[in-house]
Amino acid sequence: MYLIGLTGGIASGKSTVARRLYEHGAVHIDADQLARRVVEPGTPALAAIVEEFGADVLHRDGTLDRAKLGERVFGDAEQLAKLNAIVHPAVRELSGRLIAKAEQEDPDAVVVYDVPLLVEASVDHPFDLIVVTNAPRRAQVERLVEVRGLERGQAEARVDAQVDNTARLAVADVVIDTDGSLAHTMSQTDELWHRIVEERRARA
């Protein structure tokens, strides 16, 4: 198995790169989806969240009210740390199981673990390669406004709430510059895939 950690700031083109690698044949595991799965009704993580933050963070049907919980923790470092201490270990455990399953099903699999908080959550899977998508703050804000429909102030707050890009770039083996055209991002991703194929051929 060849394990890639894919990370990058919000609206930095991570999904585009993940999709392209998937098209080439990689197994894609999305940390954001896992973060939703580990807090579904009946999970230990949801029970811990209710214990920590109160039952009013649930909808009537017992599912997590992510917007209400988000309001509670956004901008409050202490509350956010409490939430992360519940969710991150649960995501790490589930991602570990899914990576192991992918390897079991195909020992030659290329697995892309798409994890926005790779640096912040100290994700320490044994990655063969860490890939960082990189776009300037201006481009991230524009995409959040144009593509996701956020107000400019909201978009700026979202971008600024994340870890500074230098921390991500410090752990990168490969940086994909997503400030240009979509075709430019795609061609860099294709080159990355070619590199992985060559590396694995050399190993074999």
N, C-alpha and C. Protein backbone atom coordinates (compact mmCIF):
# COMPACT_ATOMS: atom_id res chain seq x y z
N MET A 1 0.84 -1.20 0.00
CA MET A 1 0.00 0.00 0.00
C MET A 1 0.87 1.25 0.00
N TYR A 2 0.36 2.28 -0.64
CA TYR A 2 1.05 3.58 -0.67
C TYR A 2 0.07 4.60 -0.09
N LEU A 3 0.44 5.22 1.03
CA LEU A 3 -0.49 6.10 1.74
C LEU A 3 -0.10 7.57 1.58
N ILE A 4 -1.04 8.33 1.03
CA ILE A 4 -0.84 9.77 0.83
C ILE A 4 -1.69 10.54 1.83
N GLY A 5 -1.09 11.48 2.53
CA GLY A 5 -1.85 12.42 3.35
C GLY A 5 -2.05 13.68 2.53
N LEU A 6 -3.31 14.03 2.26
CA LEU A 6 -3.62 15.22 1.45
C LEU A 6 -4.24 16.26 2.36
N THR A 7 -3.63 17.44 2.41
CA THR A 7 -4.16 18.49 3.27
C THR A 7 -4.04 19.85 2.58
N GLY A 8 -4.64 20.84 3.20
CA GLY A 8 -4.63 22.19 2.62
C GLY A 8 -5.69 23.01 3.32
N GLY A 9 -5.59 24.31 3.20
CA GLY A 9 -6.56 25.20 3.85
C GLY A 9 -7.93 25.08 3.20
N ILE A 10 -8.92 25.71 3.83
CA ILE A 10 -10.28 25.72 3.30
C ILE A 10 -10.26 26.36 1.89
N ALA A 11 -11.01 25.78 0.97
CA ALA A 11 -11.12 26.30 -0.41
C ALA A 11 -9.76 26.44 -1.10
N SER A 12 -8.87 25.47 -0.81
CA SER A 12 -7.54 25.53 -1.46
C SER A 12 -7.42 24.50 -2.58
N GLY A 13 -8.54 23.88 -2.97
CA GLY A 13 -8.50 22.95 -4.11
C GLY A 13 -8.25 21.50 -3.74
N LYS A 14 -8.37 21.19 -2.44
CA LYS A 14 -8.11 19.82 -1.97
C LYS A 14 -9.04 18.80 -2.62
N SER A 15 -10.33 19.14 -2.67
CA SER A 15 -11.32 18.20 -3.23
C SER A 15 -11.04 17.91 -4.70
N THR A 16 -10.60 18.93 -5.43
CA THR A 16 -10.28 18.77 -6.85
C THR A 16 -9.13 17.78 -7.02
N VAL A 17 -8.10 17.94 -6.20
CA VAL A 17 -6.93 17.05 -6.28
C VAL A 17 -7.32 15.63 -5.86
N ALA A 18 -8.12 15.52 -4.79
CA ALA A 18 -8.56 14.20 -4.32
C ALA A 18 -9.37 13.49 -5.41
N ARG A 19 -10.26 14.23 -6.05
CA ARG A 19 -11.11 13.65 -7.11
C ARG A 19 -10.26 13.15 -8.27
N ARG A 20 -9.25 13.94 -8.62
CA ARG A 20 -8.39 13.56 -9.75
C ARG A 20 -7.59 12.28 -9.42
N LEU A 21 -7.07 12.21 -8.20
CA LEU A 21 -6.32 11.01 -7.79
C LEU A 21 -7.23 9.79 -7.76
N TYR A 22 -8.48 10.01 -7.34
CA TYR A 22 -9.48 8.93 -7.34
C TYR A 22 -9.74 8.45 -8.77
N GLU A 23 -9.83 9.40 -9.71
CA GLU A 23 -10.03 9.05 -11.12
C GLU A 23 -8.87 8.21 -11.65
N HIS A 24 -7.68 8.44 -11.13
CA HIS A 24 -6.51 7.65 -11.54
C HIS A 24 -6.50 6.26 -10.91
N GLY A 25 -7.38 6.05 -9.91
CA GLY A 25 -7.46 4.72 -9.30
C GLY A 25 -7.15 4.65 -7.82
N ALA A 26 -6.92 5.82 -7.19
CA ALA A 26 -6.64 5.82 -5.75
C ALA A 26 -7.90 5.55 -4.95
N VAL A 27 -7.73 5.00 -3.75
CA VAL A 27 -8.83 4.87 -2.79
C VAL A 27 -8.89 6.18 -2.02
N HIS A 28 -10.07 6.79 -1.95
CA HIS A 28 -10.20 8.10 -1.32
C HIS A 28 -10.91 7.96 0.03
N ILE A 29 -10.27 8.41 1.10
CA ILE A 29 -10.88 8.44 2.43
C ILE A 29 -10.95 9.90 2.87
N ASP A 30 -12.15 10.37 3.18
CA ASP A 30 -12.38 11.79 3.45
C ASP A 30 -12.61 12.00 4.95
N ALA A 31 -11.68 12.70 5.60
CA ALA A 31 -11.76 12.91 7.06
C ALA A 31 -13.02 13.68 7.46
N ASP A 32 -13.49 14.61 6.61
CA ASP A 32 -14.71 15.36 6.94
C ASP A 32 -15.92 14.42 7.03
N GLN A 33 -15.99 13.47 6.10
CA GLN A 33 -17.09 12.49 6.14
C GLN A 33 -16.98 11.62 7.40
N LEU A 34 -15.73 11.22 7.73
CA LEU A 34 -15.53 10.40 8.93
C LEU A 34 -15.94 11.18 10.19
N ALA A 35 -15.65 12.47 10.20
CA ALA A 35 -16.01 13.31 11.36
C ALA A 35 -17.52 13.36 11.54
N ARG A 36 -18.27 13.25 10.42
CA ARG A 36 -19.72 13.19 10.53
C ARG A 36 -20.18 11.80 11.01
N ARG A 37 -19.49 10.77 10.51
CA ARG A 37 -19.88 9.40 10.88
C ARG A 37 -19.69 9.11 12.36
N VAL A 38 -18.60 9.64 12.93
CA VAL A 38 -18.30 9.29 14.34
C VAL A 38 -19.22 9.99 15.34
N VAL A 39 -20.04 10.94 14.87
CA VAL A 39 -20.99 11.61 15.79
C VAL A 39 -22.44 11.30 15.43
N GLU A 40 -22.67 10.22 14.70
CA GLU A 40 -24.04 9.80 14.40
C GLU A 40 -24.70 9.32 15.70
N PRO A 41 -26.05 9.34 15.74
CA PRO A 41 -26.74 8.87 16.95
C PRO A 41 -26.29 7.46 17.34
N GLY A 42 -26.08 7.27 18.64
CA GLY A 42 -25.67 5.96 19.14
C GLY A 42 -24.16 5.79 19.27
N THR A 43 -23.40 6.78 18.79
CA THR A 43 -21.94 6.65 18.87
C THR A 43 -21.43 7.17 20.22
N PRO A 44 -20.31 6.61 20.69
CA PRO A 44 -19.72 7.11 21.95
C PRO A 44 -19.34 8.59 21.86
N ALA A 45 -18.89 9.03 20.68
CA ALA A 45 -18.46 10.44 20.54
C ALA A 45 -19.65 11.38 20.71
N LEU A 46 -20.82 11.02 20.16
CA LEU A 46 -21.98 11.90 20.32
C LEU A 46 -22.40 11.95 21.79
N ALA A 47 -22.37 10.80 22.45
CA ALA A 47 -22.71 10.77 23.89
C ALA A 47 -21.77 11.68 24.68
N ALA A 48 -20.48 11.64 24.33
CA ALA A 48 -19.49 12.48 25.02
C ALA A 48 -19.73 13.97 24.75
N ILE A 49 -20.15 14.29 23.51
CA ILE A 49 -20.44 15.70 23.17
C ILE A 49 -21.63 16.20 23.98
N VAL A 50 -22.68 15.37 24.09
CA VAL A 50 -23.87 15.76 24.86
C VAL A 50 -23.50 15.96 26.33
N GLU A 51 -22.65 15.09 26.85
CA GLU A 51 -22.22 15.20 28.25
C GLU A 51 -21.44 16.50 28.48
N GLU A 52 -20.61 16.86 27.48
CA GLU A 52 -19.75 18.04 27.62
C GLU A 52 -20.51 19.34 27.34
N PHE A 53 -21.37 19.34 26.31
CA PHE A 53 -21.96 20.60 25.84
C PHE A 53 -23.46 20.72 26.12
N GLY A 54 -24.09 19.63 26.59
CA GLY A 54 -25.53 19.69 26.89
C GLY A 54 -26.38 19.17 25.74
N ALA A 55 -27.59 18.73 26.08
CA ALA A 55 -28.49 18.10 25.09
C ALA A 55 -29.04 19.11 24.07
N ASP A 56 -28.88 20.41 24.34
CA ASP A 56 -29.42 21.39 23.38
C ASP A 56 -28.58 21.50 22.10
N VAL A 57 -27.48 20.72 22.02
CA VAL A 57 -26.73 20.71 20.74
C VAL A 57 -27.26 19.60 19.82
N LEU A 58 -28.39 18.98 20.21
CA LEU A 58 -29.02 17.96 19.36
C LEU A 58 -30.27 18.52 18.69
N HIS A 59 -30.56 18.02 17.50
CA HIS A 59 -31.87 18.26 16.88
C HIS A 59 -32.90 17.39 17.60
N ARG A 60 -34.17 17.63 17.31
CA ARG A 60 -35.23 16.83 17.94
C ARG A 60 -35.11 15.33 17.65
N ASP A 61 -34.58 15.02 16.45
CA ASP A 61 -34.47 13.59 16.06
C ASP A 61 -33.23 12.91 16.66
N GLY A 62 -32.47 13.65 17.50
CA GLY A 62 -31.32 13.05 18.16
C GLY A 62 -30.01 13.19 17.40
N THR A 63 -30.06 13.80 16.21
CA THR A 63 -28.82 14.02 15.45
C THR A 63 -28.16 15.31 15.94
N LEU A 64 -26.87 15.42 15.68
CA LEU A 64 -26.10 16.58 16.14
C LEU A 64 -26.49 17.83 15.36
N ASP A 65 -26.77 18.91 16.08
CA ASP A 65 -27.00 20.21 15.44
C ASP A 65 -25.64 20.87 15.27
N ARG A 66 -25.04 20.61 14.10
CA ARG A 66 -23.66 21.07 13.86
C ARG A 66 -23.55 22.59 13.90
N ALA A 67 -24.60 23.27 13.42
CA ALA A 67 -24.56 24.74 13.39
C ALA A 67 -24.54 25.29 14.82
N LYS A 68 -25.39 24.72 15.66
CA LYS A 68 -25.46 25.21 17.05
C LYS A 68 -24.14 24.92 17.79
N LEU A 69 -23.63 23.71 17.60
CA LEU A 69 -22.35 23.35 18.24
C LEU A 69 -21.23 24.24 17.70
N GLY A 70 -21.27 24.49 16.39
CA GLY A 70 -20.26 25.36 15.75
C GLY A 70 -20.25 26.75 16.35
N GLU A 71 -21.45 27.30 16.58
CA GLU A 71 -21.56 28.63 17.21
C GLU A 71 -20.93 28.62 18.61
N ARG A 72 -21.14 27.52 19.31
CA ARG A 72 -20.65 27.38 20.69
C ARG A 72 -19.12 27.38 20.73
N VAL A 73 -18.49 26.71 19.76
CA VAL A 73 -17.04 26.53 19.85
C VAL A 73 -16.24 27.50 18.99
N PHE A 74 -16.89 28.06 17.95
CA PHE A 74 -16.13 28.93 17.03
C PHE A 74 -15.65 30.19 17.76
N GLY A 75 -14.35 30.41 17.71
CA GLY A 75 -13.79 31.59 18.37
C GLY A 75 -13.53 31.40 19.86
N ASP A 76 -13.83 30.20 20.39
CA ASP A 76 -13.56 29.92 21.80
C ASP A 76 -12.58 28.74 21.86
N ALA A 77 -11.31 29.06 22.03
CA ALA A 77 -10.25 28.05 21.93
C ALA A 77 -10.44 26.91 22.93
N GLU A 78 -10.91 27.24 24.12
CA GLU A 78 -11.05 26.22 25.17
C GLU A 78 -12.16 25.22 24.81
N GLN A 79 -13.31 25.76 24.35
CA GLN A 79 -14.44 24.89 23.96
C GLN A 79 -14.07 24.05 22.74
N LEU A 80 -13.37 24.68 21.80
CA LEU A 80 -12.96 23.95 20.58
C LEU A 80 -12.01 22.80 20.94
N ALA A 81 -11.11 23.07 21.88
CA ALA A 81 -10.17 22.03 22.31
C ALA A 81 -10.92 20.84 22.94
N LYS A 82 -11.97 21.16 23.70
CA LYS A 82 -12.78 20.10 24.32
C LYS A 82 -13.46 19.25 23.24
N LEU A 83 -14.00 19.92 22.23
CA LEU A 83 -14.67 19.20 21.14
C LEU A 83 -13.67 18.34 20.36
N ASN A 84 -12.53 18.92 20.05
CA ASN A 84 -11.50 18.20 19.29
C ASN A 84 -11.00 16.97 20.05
N ALA A 85 -10.93 17.09 21.38
CA ALA A 85 -10.45 15.97 22.21
C ALA A 85 -11.42 14.78 22.15
N ILE A 86 -12.67 15.06 21.78
CA ILE A 86 -13.66 13.99 21.61
C ILE A 86 -13.63 13.45 20.17
N VAL A 87 -13.65 14.37 19.21
CA VAL A 87 -13.83 13.96 17.80
C VAL A 87 -12.55 13.42 17.16
N HIS A 88 -11.42 14.08 17.40
CA HIS A 88 -10.18 13.67 16.70
C HIS A 88 -9.78 12.21 16.97
N PRO A 89 -9.78 11.76 18.24
CA PRO A 89 -9.40 10.36 18.47
C PRO A 89 -10.36 9.37 17.79
N ALA A 90 -11.65 9.72 17.75
CA ALA A 90 -12.64 8.85 17.11
C ALA A 90 -12.40 8.77 15.60
N VAL A 91 -12.07 9.91 15.01
CA VAL A 91 -11.77 9.94 13.57
C VAL A 91 -10.48 9.17 13.29
N ARG A 92 -9.49 9.34 14.17
CA ARG A 92 -8.21 8.66 13.97
C ARG A 92 -8.40 7.13 14.00
N GLU A 93 -9.22 6.68 14.93
CA GLU A 93 -9.47 5.24 15.07
C GLU A 93 -10.20 4.70 13.84
N LEU A 94 -11.23 5.43 13.38
CA LEU A 94 -12.00 4.98 12.21
C LEU A 94 -11.15 5.03 10.94
N SER A 95 -10.38 6.09 10.77
CA SER A 95 -9.54 6.20 9.57
C SER A 95 -8.50 5.09 9.54
N GLY A 96 -7.95 4.77 10.72
CA GLY A 96 -6.98 3.66 10.81
C GLY A 96 -7.58 2.35 10.34
N ARG A 97 -8.84 2.12 10.76
CA ARG A 97 -9.52 0.89 10.35
C ARG A 97 -9.77 0.86 8.85
N LEU A 98 -10.18 2.01 8.28
CA LEU A 98 -10.49 2.06 6.85
C LEU A 98 -9.23 1.92 5.99
N ILE A 99 -8.12 2.51 6.46
CA ILE A 99 -6.84 2.37 5.74
C ILE A 99 -6.40 0.91 5.76
N ALA A 100 -6.53 0.26 6.92
CA ALA A 100 -6.15 -1.16 7.03
C ALA A 100 -7.03 -2.02 6.12
N LYS A 101 -8.32 -1.68 6.05
CA LYS A 101 -9.26 -2.43 5.21
C LYS A 101 -8.89 -2.29 3.73
N ALA A 102 -8.52 -1.06 3.32
CA ALA A 102 -8.12 -0.82 1.92
C ALA A 102 -6.89 -1.65 1.57
N GLU A 103 -5.95 -1.73 2.51
CA GLU A 103 -4.73 -2.50 2.28
C GLU A 103 -5.03 -4.00 2.21
N GLN A 104 -5.94 -4.43 3.05
CA GLN A 104 -6.33 -5.85 3.07
C GLN A 104 -6.97 -6.24 1.74
N GLU A 105 -7.84 -5.35 1.22
CA GLU A 105 -8.55 -5.64 -0.03
C GLU A 105 -7.61 -5.58 -1.23
N ASP A 106 -6.61 -4.70 -1.17
CA ASP A 106 -5.65 -4.58 -2.26
C ASP A 106 -4.31 -4.10 -1.70
N PRO A 107 -3.36 -5.05 -1.50
CA PRO A 107 -2.07 -4.68 -0.91
C PRO A 107 -1.31 -3.65 -1.75
N ASP A 108 -1.69 -3.49 -3.04
CA ASP A 108 -1.03 -2.50 -3.90
C ASP A 108 -1.80 -1.18 -3.99
N ALA A 109 -2.81 -1.02 -3.17
CA ALA A 109 -3.65 0.18 -3.26
C ALA A 109 -2.86 1.45 -2.99
N VAL A 110 -3.22 2.51 -3.72
CA VAL A 110 -2.78 3.87 -3.37
C VAL A 110 -3.96 4.49 -2.62
N VAL A 111 -3.73 4.85 -1.36
CA VAL A 111 -4.81 5.40 -0.53
C VAL A 111 -4.55 6.88 -0.29
N VAL A 112 -5.55 7.70 -0.60
CA VAL A 112 -5.44 9.14 -0.34
C VAL A 112 -6.31 9.45 0.87
N TYR A 113 -5.67 9.84 1.96
CA TYR A 113 -6.42 10.26 3.15
C TYR A 113 -6.48 11.78 3.13
N ASP A 114 -7.69 12.28 2.83
CA ASP A 114 -7.94 13.70 2.61
C ASP A 114 -8.32 14.30 3.97
N VAL A 115 -7.35 15.01 4.59
CA VAL A 115 -7.54 15.42 5.99
C VAL A 115 -7.17 16.89 6.20
N PRO A 116 -8.19 17.78 6.23
CA PRO A 116 -7.93 19.21 6.36
C PRO A 116 -7.07 19.56 7.58
N LEU A 117 -7.30 18.84 8.70
CA LEU A 117 -6.62 19.19 9.95
C LEU A 117 -5.40 18.30 10.22
N LEU A 118 -4.71 17.90 9.18
CA LEU A 118 -3.56 17.01 9.34
C LEU A 118 -2.54 17.60 10.33
N VAL A 119 -2.30 18.89 10.22
CA VAL A 119 -1.32 19.54 11.12
C VAL A 119 -1.95 19.79 12.49
N GLU A 120 -3.16 20.38 12.50
CA GLU A 120 -3.78 20.76 13.77
C GLU A 120 -4.10 19.55 14.65
N ALA A 121 -4.53 18.45 14.01
CA ALA A 121 -4.95 17.28 14.79
C ALA A 121 -3.80 16.29 14.98
N SER A 122 -2.60 16.69 14.57
CA SER A 122 -1.41 15.82 14.69
C SER A 122 -1.70 14.41 14.18
N VAL A 123 -2.23 14.35 12.97
CA VAL A 123 -2.56 13.04 12.37
C VAL A 123 -1.23 12.34 12.05
N ASP A 124 -1.07 11.14 12.60
CA ASP A 124 0.25 10.52 12.52
C ASP A 124 0.24 9.13 11.88
N HIS A 125 -0.67 8.95 10.91
CA HIS A 125 -0.62 7.69 10.16
C HIS A 125 0.74 7.62 9.44
N PRO A 126 1.22 6.41 9.11
CA PRO A 126 2.54 6.30 8.47
C PRO A 126 2.48 6.67 6.97
N PHE A 127 2.39 7.96 6.70
CA PHE A 127 2.27 8.43 5.32
C PHE A 127 3.56 8.20 4.53
N ASP A 128 3.38 7.80 3.28
CA ASP A 128 4.52 7.72 2.36
C ASP A 128 4.80 9.09 1.75
N LEU A 129 3.74 9.92 1.69
CA LEU A 129 3.87 11.21 1.03
C LEU A 129 2.82 12.16 1.62
N ILE A 130 3.24 13.39 1.91
CA ILE A 130 2.25 14.39 2.33
C ILE A 130 2.16 15.46 1.24
N VAL A 131 0.93 15.64 0.75
CA VAL A 131 0.67 16.57 -0.34
C VAL A 131 -0.15 17.73 0.20
N VAL A 132 0.28 18.94 -0.08
CA VAL A 132 -0.42 20.13 0.41
C VAL A 132 -0.91 20.95 -0.79
N THR A 133 -2.21 21.25 -0.80
CA THR A 133 -2.74 22.17 -1.82
C THR A 133 -2.59 23.57 -1.27
N ASN A 134 -2.11 24.47 -2.11
CA ASN A 134 -1.75 25.80 -1.62
C ASN A 134 -2.35 26.88 -2.52
N ALA A 135 -3.14 27.77 -1.89
CA ALA A 135 -3.69 28.93 -2.61
C ALA A 135 -3.55 30.14 -1.70
N PRO A 136 -3.32 31.32 -2.27
CA PRO A 136 -3.22 32.52 -1.41
C PRO A 136 -4.56 32.82 -0.74
N ARG A 137 -4.50 33.53 0.37
CA ARG A 137 -5.70 33.87 1.15
C ARG A 137 -6.77 34.51 0.27
N ARG A 138 -6.33 35.42 -0.60
CA ARG A 138 -7.26 36.11 -1.51
C ARG A 138 -8.11 35.11 -2.31
N ALA A 139 -7.44 34.09 -2.86
CA ALA A 139 -8.15 33.10 -3.69
C ALA A 139 -9.10 32.26 -2.83
N GLN A 140 -8.66 31.91 -1.62
CA GLN A 140 -9.52 31.12 -0.72
C GLN A 140 -10.80 31.90 -0.39
N VAL A 141 -10.63 33.18 -0.05
CA VAL A 141 -11.79 34.01 0.31
C VAL A 141 -12.73 34.14 -0.88
N GLU A 142 -12.17 34.42 -2.08
CA GLU A 142 -13.00 34.56 -3.29
C GLU A 142 -13.81 33.30 -3.55
N ARG A 143 -13.19 32.13 -3.41
CA ARG A 143 -13.89 30.86 -3.67
C ARG A 143 -15.02 30.64 -2.67
N LEU A 144 -14.77 30.97 -1.39
CA LEU A 144 -15.81 30.80 -0.38
C LEU A 144 -17.00 31.71 -0.66
N VAL A 145 -16.72 32.91 -1.17
CA VAL A 145 -17.80 33.86 -1.49
C VAL A 145 -18.54 33.40 -2.75
N GLU A 146 -17.77 33.11 -3.81
CA GLU A 146 -18.38 32.82 -5.12
C GLU A 146 -18.98 31.41 -5.19
N VAL A 147 -18.24 30.42 -4.68
CA VAL A 147 -18.68 29.03 -4.85
C VAL A 147 -19.59 28.58 -3.71
N ARG A 148 -19.26 28.98 -2.49
CA ARG A 148 -20.04 28.48 -1.35
C ARG A 148 -21.05 29.49 -0.80
N GLY A 149 -21.04 30.68 -1.39
CA GLY A 149 -22.07 31.66 -1.05
C GLY A 149 -21.95 32.31 0.32
N LEU A 150 -20.74 32.33 0.89
CA LEU A 150 -20.57 32.98 2.19
C LEU A 150 -20.44 34.49 2.02
N GLU A 151 -20.80 35.23 3.08
CA GLU A 151 -20.52 36.67 3.12
C GLU A 151 -19.00 36.83 3.21
N ARG A 152 -18.50 37.95 2.68
CA ARG A 152 -17.04 38.13 2.68
C ARG A 152 -16.45 38.07 4.10
N GLY A 153 -17.10 38.71 5.05
CA GLY A 153 -16.61 38.70 6.43
C GLY A 153 -16.54 37.29 7.00
N GLN A 154 -17.60 36.50 6.71
CA GLN A 154 -17.63 35.10 7.15
C GLN A 154 -16.48 34.32 6.52
N ALA A 155 -16.30 34.55 5.23
CA ALA A 155 -15.26 33.83 4.49
C ALA A 155 -13.87 34.15 5.06
N GLU A 156 -13.64 35.42 5.33
CA GLU A 156 -12.34 35.83 5.89
C GLU A 156 -12.12 35.21 7.27
N ALA A 157 -13.18 35.17 8.08
CA ALA A 157 -13.07 34.59 9.43
C ALA A 157 -12.75 33.10 9.34
N ARG A 158 -13.39 32.40 8.37
CA ARG A 158 -13.14 30.96 8.20
C ARG A 158 -11.69 30.70 7.83
N VAL A 159 -11.19 31.48 6.88
CA VAL A 159 -9.80 31.29 6.42
C VAL A 159 -8.82 31.60 7.56
N ASP A 160 -9.09 32.70 8.27
CA ASP A 160 -8.17 33.14 9.32
C ASP A 160 -8.20 32.24 10.56
N ALA A 161 -9.29 31.48 10.73
CA ALA A 161 -9.41 30.60 11.90
C ALA A 161 -8.52 29.36 11.75
N GLN A 162 -8.07 29.09 10.53
CA GLN A 162 -7.27 27.88 10.30
C GLN A 162 -5.79 28.15 10.59
N VAL A 163 -5.07 27.04 10.73
CA VAL A 163 -3.64 27.14 10.97
C VAL A 163 -2.99 27.89 9.81
N ASP A 164 -1.98 28.67 10.11
CA ASP A 164 -1.26 29.42 9.07
C ASP A 164 -0.64 28.45 8.07
N ASN A 165 -0.68 28.80 6.80
CA ASN A 165 -0.23 27.88 5.75
C ASN A 165 1.23 27.45 5.89
N THR A 166 2.05 28.29 6.54
CA THR A 166 3.47 27.92 6.67
C THR A 166 3.63 26.62 7.45
N ALA A 167 2.73 26.39 8.43
CA ALA A 167 2.80 25.15 9.22
C ALA A 167 2.52 23.94 8.33
N ARG A 168 1.58 24.10 7.38
CA ARG A 168 1.28 23.01 6.46
C ARG A 168 2.44 22.79 5.49
N LEU A 169 2.93 23.89 4.94
CA LEU A 169 4.00 23.78 3.94
C LEU A 169 5.25 23.15 4.54
N ALA A 170 5.42 23.35 5.86
CA ALA A 170 6.60 22.79 6.55
C ALA A 170 6.60 21.26 6.53
N VAL A 171 5.40 20.64 6.47
CA VAL A 171 5.35 19.17 6.49
C VAL A 171 5.18 18.58 5.09
N ALA A 172 5.08 19.43 4.07
CA ALA A 172 4.76 18.96 2.72
C ALA A 172 5.95 18.27 2.05
N ASP A 173 5.65 17.14 1.39
CA ASP A 173 6.62 16.53 0.47
C ASP A 173 6.38 17.07 -0.94
N VAL A 174 5.11 17.35 -1.23
CA VAL A 174 4.71 17.88 -2.53
C VAL A 174 3.73 19.02 -2.29
N VAL A 175 3.92 20.15 -2.98
CA VAL A 175 2.97 21.26 -2.90
C VAL A 175 2.32 21.42 -4.27
N ILE A 176 0.99 21.41 -4.29
CA ILE A 176 0.26 21.66 -5.53
C ILE A 176 -0.30 23.07 -5.46
N ASP A 177 0.16 23.91 -6.38
CA ASP A 177 -0.25 25.31 -6.42
C ASP A 177 -1.59 25.41 -7.14
N THR A 178 -2.64 25.82 -6.41
CA THR A 178 -3.98 25.85 -7.01
C THR A 178 -4.46 27.28 -7.28
N ASP A 179 -3.51 28.21 -7.39
CA ASP A 179 -3.90 29.60 -7.62
C ASP A 179 -4.23 29.85 -9.10
N GLY A 180 -3.74 28.98 -9.98
CA GLY A 180 -3.97 29.18 -11.42
C GLY A 180 -5.26 28.55 -11.90
N SER A 181 -5.25 28.11 -13.14
CA SER A 181 -6.45 27.51 -13.74
C SER A 181 -6.67 26.09 -13.21
N LEU A 182 -7.87 25.60 -13.44
CA LEU A 182 -8.20 24.22 -13.07
C LEU A 182 -7.28 23.25 -13.82
N ALA A 183 -7.03 23.55 -15.08
CA ALA A 183 -6.16 22.68 -15.90
C ALA A 183 -4.76 22.60 -15.30
N HIS A 184 -4.28 23.72 -14.76
CA HIS A 184 -2.94 23.75 -14.15
C HIS A 184 -2.90 22.85 -12.90
N THR A 185 -3.97 22.93 -12.09
CA THR A 185 -4.07 22.06 -10.90
C THR A 185 -4.10 20.59 -11.32
N MET A 186 -4.91 20.30 -12.35
CA MET A 186 -5.04 18.92 -12.84
C MET A 186 -3.70 18.38 -13.34
N SER A 187 -2.98 19.19 -14.10
CA SER A 187 -1.72 18.70 -14.68
C SER A 187 -0.69 18.42 -13.58
N GLN A 188 -0.67 19.25 -12.53
CA GLN A 188 0.24 18.98 -11.40
C GLN A 188 -0.15 17.68 -10.69
N THR A 189 -1.46 17.44 -10.60
CA THR A 189 -1.95 16.21 -9.95
C THR A 189 -1.59 14.99 -10.80
N ASP A 190 -1.72 15.14 -12.12
CA ASP A 190 -1.35 14.04 -13.03
C ASP A 190 0.15 13.72 -12.90
N GLU A 191 0.95 14.77 -12.80
CA GLU A 191 2.41 14.58 -12.62
C GLU A 191 2.69 13.85 -11.31
N LEU A 192 1.95 14.20 -10.26
CA LEU A 192 2.10 13.54 -8.96
C LEU A 192 1.77 12.05 -9.09
N TRP A 193 0.68 11.74 -9.78
CA TRP A 193 0.30 10.34 -9.95
C TRP A 193 1.40 9.57 -10.70
N HIS A 194 1.93 10.20 -11.73
CA HIS A 194 3.00 9.59 -12.52
C HIS A 194 4.21 9.30 -11.62
N ARG A 195 4.53 10.24 -10.76
CA ARG A 195 5.65 10.09 -9.83
C ARG A 195 5.42 8.90 -8.89
N ILE A 196 4.18 8.79 -8.38
CA ILE A 196 3.85 7.69 -7.47
C ILE A 196 4.00 6.35 -8.17
N VAL A 197 3.49 6.27 -9.40
CA VAL A 197 3.58 5.03 -10.18
C VAL A 197 5.04 4.65 -10.40
N GLU A 198 5.87 5.65 -10.74
CA GLU A 198 7.30 5.40 -10.97
C GLU A 198 8.00 4.92 -9.67
N GLU A 199 7.68 5.60 -8.57
CA GLU A 199 8.28 5.25 -7.27
C GLU A 199 7.96 3.82 -6.88
N ARG A 200 6.70 3.44 -7.11
CA ARG A 200 6.28 2.10 -6.72
C ARG A 200 6.90 1.05 -7.64
N ARG A 201 7.08 1.41 -8.90
CA ARG A 201 7.74 0.51 -9.85
C ARG A 201 9.19 0.26 -9.41
N ALA A 202 9.84 1.35 -8.98
CA ALA A 202 11.24 1.26 -8.54
C ALA A 202 11.32 0.39 -7.28
N ARG A 203 10.36 0.54 -6.37
CA ARG A 203 10.34 -0.27 -5.14
C ARG A 203 10.21 -1.76 -5.46
N ALA A 204 9.33 -2.05 -6.43
CA ALA A 204 9.05 -3.44 -6.79
C ALA A 204 10.25 -4.08 -7.47
